[in-house]
Amino acid sequence: MNGQPTLLLADDDPTITNGLRPFFERAGFHVLTVANGADALDTARSHHPDMIILDVLMPRLNGREVLRRLRHAGLQIPTILLTQVGDASERAVALEEGADDYLNKPFEAHELLARVRAVLRRVQSGEPALSTAWRLAARD
């Protein structure tokens, strides 16, 4: 879309999607929004966005299941998970399963934008995602 990176935003809370969509559009992204995990999975497969932001707790499929299915299908689309569950073990499991970053709710939109840009910079420079780099280092 006119050279704009495409961002898939999946969250069942309309206040989040309605607030973040114009924010990311002003920041130069084309934004697709969905309100459940099944639609997130379908949209990711059909549109191949440059980045996905997934709420963990969503109807039909949770964000971690969407991520697992994308990774199992070989789709390595950079993904940031959002959740109200702030447990360190939850974050660790999400990173192990292939998330590129993890942000607890509530969050500042500017911090999320900075994290999106940081992940996209790593991907564009050819550096592995944080979760991939950690797994590679653990094998050495």
Protein backbone atom coordinates (compact mmCIF):
# COMPACT_ATOMS: atom_id res chain seq x y z
CA MET A 1 0.00 0.00 0.00
CA ASN A 2 1.91 3.02 -1.29
CA GLY A 3 5.13 1.77 0.33
CA GLN A 4 3.55 1.87 3.79
CA PRO A 5 4.24 -1.11 6.02
CA THR A 6 1.08 -3.07 6.80
CA LEU A 7 0.25 -3.69 10.43
CA LEU A 8 -2.31 -6.25 11.57
CA LEU A 9 -3.82 -5.23 14.91
CA ALA A 10 -5.85 -7.98 16.60
CA ASP A 11 -7.64 -7.07 19.82
CA ASP A 12 -11.20 -7.67 20.99
CA ASP A 13 -11.29 -4.35 22.85
CA PRO A 14 -12.63 -1.70 20.45
CA THR A 15 -11.16 1.12 22.55
CA ILE A 16 -7.71 -0.26 21.79
CA THR A 17 -8.24 -0.83 18.07
CA ASN A 18 -10.14 2.45 17.62
CA GLY A 19 -7.37 4.34 19.42
CA LEU A 20 -4.37 2.61 17.90
CA ARG A 21 -5.56 2.47 14.29
CA PRO A 22 -5.44 6.25 13.65
CA PHE A 23 -2.29 6.54 15.78
CA PHE A 24 -0.43 4.01 13.62
CA GLU A 25 -1.87 5.44 10.41
CA ARG A 26 -0.48 8.87 11.36
CA ALA A 27 2.85 7.12 12.00
CA GLY A 28 2.89 5.86 8.40
CA PHE A 29 1.34 2.39 8.62
CA HIS A 30 -1.51 0.81 6.73
CA VAL A 31 -3.56 -0.81 9.53
CA LEU A 32 -5.82 -3.85 9.35
CA THR A 33 -7.90 -4.54 12.47
CA VAL A 34 -9.69 -7.68 13.62
CA ALA A 35 -11.46 -8.53 16.88
CA ASN A 36 -10.73 -12.24 17.36
CA GLY A 37 -7.98 -14.78 16.92
CA ALA A 38 -9.56 -16.73 14.06
CA ASP A 39 -9.87 -13.56 11.97
CA ALA A 40 -6.30 -12.63 12.90
CA LEU A 41 -5.05 -15.96 11.61
CA ASP A 42 -7.04 -15.68 8.38
CA THR A 43 -5.97 -12.07 7.78
CA ALA A 44 -2.32 -12.84 8.46
CA ARG A 45 -2.41 -15.73 5.99
CA SER A 46 -4.20 -13.76 3.27
CA HIS A 47 -2.56 -10.33 3.61
CA HIS A 48 0.97 -11.17 4.85
CA PRO A 49 1.34 -7.99 6.92
CA ASP A 50 4.76 -6.63 7.80
CA MET A 51 3.94 -6.77 11.52
CA ILE A 52 1.27 -8.28 13.77
CA ILE A 53 0.15 -7.01 17.16
CA LEU A 54 -1.86 -9.70 18.96
CA ASP A 55 -3.85 -9.46 22.15
CA VAL A 56 -3.30 -12.66 24.10
CA LEU A 57 -6.84 -12.99 25.46
CA MET A 58 -9.24 -12.94 22.49
CA PRO A 59 -12.30 -14.94 21.49
CA ARG A 60 -12.23 -17.85 19.02
CA LEU A 61 -8.43 -18.29 19.27
CA ASN A 62 -6.14 -16.67 21.80
CA GLY A 63 -3.15 -14.70 20.59
CA ARG A 64 -0.61 -17.32 21.63
CA GLU A 65 -2.49 -20.00 19.65
CA VAL A 66 -2.58 -17.71 16.61
CA LEU A 67 1.17 -17.22 16.96
CA ARG A 68 1.80 -20.98 17.32
CA ARG A 69 -0.25 -21.70 14.20
CA LEU A 70 1.52 -19.01 12.18
CA ARG A 71 4.94 -20.31 13.20
CA HIS A 72 3.89 -23.91 12.54
CA ALA A 73 2.82 -22.84 9.04
CA GLY A 74 6.25 -21.29 8.48
CA LEU A 75 5.00 -17.69 8.59
CA GLN A 76 7.67 -15.69 10.38
CA ILE A 77 5.79 -12.39 10.42
CA PRO A 78 7.17 -10.24 13.25
CA THR A 79 4.71 -10.33 16.14
CA ILE A 80 4.23 -8.41 19.37
CA LEU A 81 1.87 -9.79 22.00
CA LEU A 82 -0.25 -7.60 24.27
CA THR A 83 -1.76 -8.84 27.51
CA GLN A 84 -2.99 -7.93 30.95
CA VAL A 85 -1.24 -11.02 32.32
CA GLY A 86 2.02 -9.61 33.64
CA ASP A 87 3.56 -12.84 34.89
CA ALA A 88 7.21 -13.28 33.91
CA SER A 89 6.69 -16.95 33.07
CA GLU A 90 3.88 -15.99 30.67
CA ARG A 91 6.20 -13.57 28.87
CA ALA A 92 8.96 -16.17 28.72
CA VAL A 93 6.66 -18.80 27.21
CA ALA A 94 5.39 -16.32 24.61
CA LEU A 95 8.94 -15.47 23.56
CA GLU A 96 9.82 -19.17 23.42
CA GLU A 97 6.84 -19.76 21.14
CA GLY A 98 8.05 -17.16 18.67
CA ALA A 99 6.86 -13.73 19.78
CA ASP A 100 9.28 -10.97 18.88
CA ASP A 101 8.25 -8.81 21.81
CA TYR A 102 5.69 -8.66 24.59
CA LEU A 103 3.99 -5.65 26.15
CA ASN A 104 1.73 -5.56 29.20
CA LYS A 105 -1.55 -3.65 29.27
CA PRO A 106 -2.06 -0.87 30.00
CA PHE A 107 0.68 0.55 27.79
CA GLU A 108 1.62 3.83 26.16
CA ALA A 109 0.95 3.97 22.42
CA HIS A 110 4.32 5.64 21.85
CA GLU A 111 6.13 2.74 23.56
CA LEU A 112 4.26 0.24 21.39
CA LEU A 113 5.17 2.24 18.28
CA ALA A 114 8.82 2.28 19.35
CA ARG A 115 8.77 -1.49 19.86
CA VAL A 116 7.12 -2.03 16.45
CA ARG A 117 9.78 0.10 14.77
CA ALA A 118 12.59 -1.67 16.66
CA VAL A 119 11.36 -5.12 15.61
CA LEU A 120 10.94 -3.98 11.99
CA ARG A 121 14.49 -2.52 12.01
CA ARG A 122 15.88 -5.87 13.19
CA VAL A 123 13.94 -7.73 10.50
CA GLN A 124 14.92 -5.32 7.74
CA SER A 125 18.59 -5.44 8.73
CA GLY A 126 18.54 -9.23 8.57
CA GLU A 127 19.11 -9.67 12.29
CA PRO A 128 17.12 -12.48 13.90
CA ALA A 129 14.16 -11.70 16.09
CA LEU A 130 14.89 -11.59 19.81
CA SER A 131 13.24 -14.95 20.38
CA THR A 132 15.21 -16.54 17.53
CA ALA A 133 18.48 -14.98 18.65
CA TRP A 134 17.93 -16.27 22.18
CA ARG A 135 17.26 -19.81 20.94
CA LEU A 136 20.36 -19.71 18.71
CA ALA A 137 22.51 -18.51 21.61
CA ALA A 138 21.12 -21.24 23.87
CA ARG A 139 22.20 -23.92 21.38
CA ASP A 140 25.80 -22.66 21.20
